[in-house]
């Protein structure tokens, strides 16, 4: 794996962590259900890209 791929994986993992935290906060507030759905879609997208880059079956635990 080249440096560019490793850097992209690091960026995706940090984005995934940030999105999961935002989703957790959105679930606790529950005043905007659309926001939670949007965050779930973004998480799925990031997980899919991370999975293709790493070639593994699962990038991390799903919520």
N, C-alpha and C. Protein backbone atom coordinates (compact mmCIF):
# COMPACT_ATOMS: atom_id res chain seq x y z
N UNK A 1 0.84 -1.17 0.00
CA UNK A 1 0.00 0.00 0.00
C UNK A 1 0.90 1.25 0.00
N UNK A 2 0.58 2.18 -0.85
CA UNK A 2 1.40 3.39 -0.95
C UNK A 2 1.02 4.43 0.10
N UNK A 3 1.83 5.48 0.17
CA UNK A 3 1.62 6.52 1.18
C UNK A 3 0.27 7.22 1.02
N UNK A 4 -0.12 7.43 -0.22
CA UNK A 4 -1.37 8.13 -0.49
C UNK A 4 -2.56 7.33 0.04
N UNK A 5 -2.54 6.03 -0.16
CA UNK A 5 -3.63 5.18 0.33
C UNK A 5 -3.65 5.16 1.85
N UNK A 6 -2.49 5.06 2.46
CA UNK A 6 -2.42 5.05 3.93
C UNK A 6 -2.95 6.35 4.51
N UNK A 7 -2.60 7.46 3.89
CA UNK A 7 -3.08 8.77 4.35
C UNK A 7 -4.59 8.86 4.20
N UNK A 8 -5.11 8.38 3.08
CA UNK A 8 -6.56 8.42 2.84
C UNK A 8 -7.28 7.57 3.88
N UNK A 9 -6.72 6.42 4.24
CA UNK A 9 -7.32 5.55 5.25
C UNK A 9 -7.35 6.26 6.59
N UNK A 10 -6.25 6.93 6.94
CA UNK A 10 -6.21 7.69 8.20
C UNK A 10 -7.28 8.78 8.22
N UNK A 11 -7.42 9.49 7.12
CA UNK A 11 -8.42 10.56 7.03
C UNK A 11 -9.82 9.98 7.15
N UNK A 12 -10.08 8.87 6.48
CA UNK A 12 -11.40 8.25 6.53
C UNK A 12 -11.73 7.77 7.93
N UNK A 13 -10.75 7.20 8.62
CA UNK A 13 -10.99 6.73 9.99
C UNK A 13 -11.31 7.88 10.93
N UNK A 14 -10.61 9.00 10.77
CA UNK A 14 -10.91 10.16 11.62
C UNK A 14 -12.29 10.73 11.28
N UNK A 15 -12.63 10.77 9.99
CA UNK A 15 -13.96 11.23 9.59
C UNK A 15 -15.04 10.32 10.15
N UNK A 16 -14.80 9.04 10.12
CA UNK A 16 -15.76 8.06 10.62
C UNK A 16 -15.99 8.26 12.12
N UNK A 17 -14.93 8.48 12.85
CA UNK A 17 -15.05 8.71 14.28
C UNK A 17 -15.86 9.99 14.56
N UNK A 18 -15.58 11.06 13.81
CA UNK A 18 -16.29 12.33 13.97
C UNK A 18 -17.77 12.16 13.63
N UNK A 19 -18.06 11.45 12.53
CA UNK A 19 -19.45 11.24 12.13
C UNK A 19 -20.22 10.42 13.15
N UNK A 20 -19.57 9.43 13.73
CA UNK A 20 -20.24 8.61 14.75
C UNK A 20 -20.57 9.43 15.99
N UNK A 21 -19.66 10.33 16.35
CA UNK A 21 -19.93 11.21 17.49
C UNK A 21 -21.09 12.15 17.18
N UNK A 22 -21.12 12.67 15.97
CA UNK A 22 -22.22 13.55 15.58
C UNK A 22 -23.54 12.79 15.57
N UNK A 23 -23.51 11.55 15.11
CA UNK A 23 -24.72 10.74 15.08
C UNK A 23 -25.23 10.48 16.49
N UNK A 24 -24.32 10.21 17.39
CA UNK A 24 -24.69 9.99 18.78
C UNK A 24 -25.38 11.22 19.35
N UNK A 25 -24.82 12.39 19.08
CA UNK A 25 -25.43 13.62 19.54
C UNK A 25 -26.78 13.88 18.89
N UNK A 26 -26.88 13.58 17.61
CA UNK A 26 -28.14 13.78 16.90
C UNK A 26 -29.24 12.86 17.44
N UNK A 27 -28.86 11.65 17.82
CA UNK A 27 -29.84 10.71 18.38
C UNK A 27 -30.33 11.19 19.74
N UNK A 28 -29.44 11.80 20.51
CA UNK A 28 -29.82 12.29 21.84
C UNK A 28 -30.74 13.50 21.73
N UNK A 29 -30.53 14.36 20.75
CA UNK A 29 -31.37 15.55 20.61
C UNK A 29 -32.72 15.22 20.00
N UNK A 30 -32.74 14.41 19.03
CA UNK A 30 -33.95 13.93 18.34
C UNK A 30 -34.92 15.03 17.90
N UNK A 31 -34.44 16.25 17.72
CA UNK A 31 -35.33 17.29 17.20
C UNK A 31 -35.29 17.35 15.67
N UNK A 32 -34.26 16.76 15.08
CA UNK A 32 -34.15 16.73 13.63
C UNK A 32 -33.80 15.32 13.18
N UNK A 33 -34.82 14.56 12.81
CA UNK A 33 -34.61 13.16 12.42
C UNK A 33 -33.88 13.04 11.09
N UNK A 34 -34.03 14.05 10.24
CA UNK A 34 -33.34 14.03 8.95
C UNK A 34 -31.82 14.06 9.12
N UNK A 35 -31.36 14.79 10.13
CA UNK A 35 -29.92 14.89 10.38
C UNK A 35 -29.33 13.52 10.70
N UNK A 36 -30.04 12.74 11.52
CA UNK A 36 -29.57 11.41 11.88
C UNK A 36 -29.49 10.51 10.64
N UNK A 37 -30.50 10.61 9.78
CA UNK A 37 -30.51 9.79 8.57
C UNK A 37 -29.37 10.18 7.63
N UNK A 38 -29.12 11.48 7.52
CA UNK A 38 -28.03 11.97 6.68
C UNK A 38 -26.68 11.48 7.20
N UNK A 39 -26.52 11.55 8.51
CA UNK A 39 -25.26 11.09 9.11
C UNK A 39 -25.08 9.58 8.90
N UNK A 40 -26.15 8.82 9.00
CA UNK A 40 -26.06 7.37 8.77
C UNK A 40 -25.62 7.07 7.34
N UNK A 41 -26.14 7.84 6.39
CA UNK A 41 -25.75 7.64 4.99
C UNK A 41 -24.28 8.00 4.78
N UNK A 42 -23.84 9.07 5.43
CA UNK A 42 -22.43 9.47 5.31
C UNK A 42 -21.52 8.42 5.92
N UNK A 43 -21.93 7.87 7.06
CA UNK A 43 -21.14 6.82 7.71
C UNK A 43 -21.04 5.60 6.80
N UNK A 44 -22.14 5.21 6.21
CA UNK A 44 -22.13 4.06 5.31
C UNK A 44 -21.21 4.30 4.12
N UNK A 45 -21.22 5.50 3.60
CA UNK A 45 -20.37 5.85 2.46
C UNK A 45 -18.89 5.78 2.85
N UNK A 46 -18.55 6.34 3.99
CA UNK A 46 -17.16 6.32 4.46
C UNK A 46 -16.72 4.89 4.74
N UNK A 47 -17.58 4.10 5.37
CA UNK A 47 -17.25 2.70 5.65
C UNK A 47 -17.01 1.92 4.36
N UNK A 48 -17.83 2.17 3.36
CA UNK A 48 -17.67 1.47 2.08
C UNK A 48 -16.34 1.83 1.43
N UNK A 49 -16.00 3.11 1.43
CA UNK A 49 -14.73 3.52 0.83
C UNK A 49 -13.55 2.95 1.61
N UNK A 50 -13.67 2.96 2.93
CA UNK A 50 -12.61 2.42 3.77
C UNK A 50 -12.44 0.92 3.53
N UNK A 51 -13.55 0.25 3.35
CA UNK A 51 -13.51 -1.19 3.09
C UNK A 51 -12.83 -1.49 1.75
N UNK A 52 -13.09 -0.70 0.74
CA UNK A 52 -12.46 -0.95 -0.55
C UNK A 52 -10.96 -0.67 -0.49
N UNK A 53 -10.57 0.35 0.28
CA UNK A 53 -9.14 0.67 0.39
C UNK A 53 -8.37 -0.37 1.19
N UNK A 54 -8.97 -0.86 2.25
CA UNK A 54 -8.28 -1.81 3.11
C UNK A 54 -8.42 -3.24 2.59
N UNK A 55 -9.50 -3.50 1.89
CA UNK A 55 -9.72 -4.84 1.38
C UNK A 55 -10.20 -5.80 2.44
N UNK A 56 -10.55 -5.26 3.61
CA UNK A 56 -11.03 -6.12 4.69
C UNK A 56 -12.55 -6.23 4.61
N UNK A 57 -13.08 -7.12 5.43
CA UNK A 57 -14.52 -7.33 5.41
C UNK A 57 -15.28 -6.25 6.17
N UNK A 58 -14.69 -5.74 7.25
CA UNK A 58 -15.39 -4.73 8.05
C UNK A 58 -14.39 -3.73 8.62
N UNK A 59 -14.59 -2.42 8.42
CA UNK A 59 -13.66 -1.42 8.93
C UNK A 59 -13.79 -1.21 10.43
N UNK A 60 -14.89 -1.61 11.01
CA UNK A 60 -15.07 -1.41 12.44
C UNK A 60 -16.47 -1.83 12.84
N UNK A 61 -16.77 -1.68 14.12
CA UNK A 61 -18.10 -2.07 14.57
C UNK A 61 -19.17 -1.15 14.02
N UNK A 62 -20.28 -1.74 13.62
CA UNK A 62 -21.39 -0.94 13.09
C UNK A 62 -22.33 -0.60 14.22
N UNK A 63 -22.97 0.56 14.07
CA UNK A 63 -23.93 0.98 15.09
C UNK A 63 -25.32 0.89 14.57
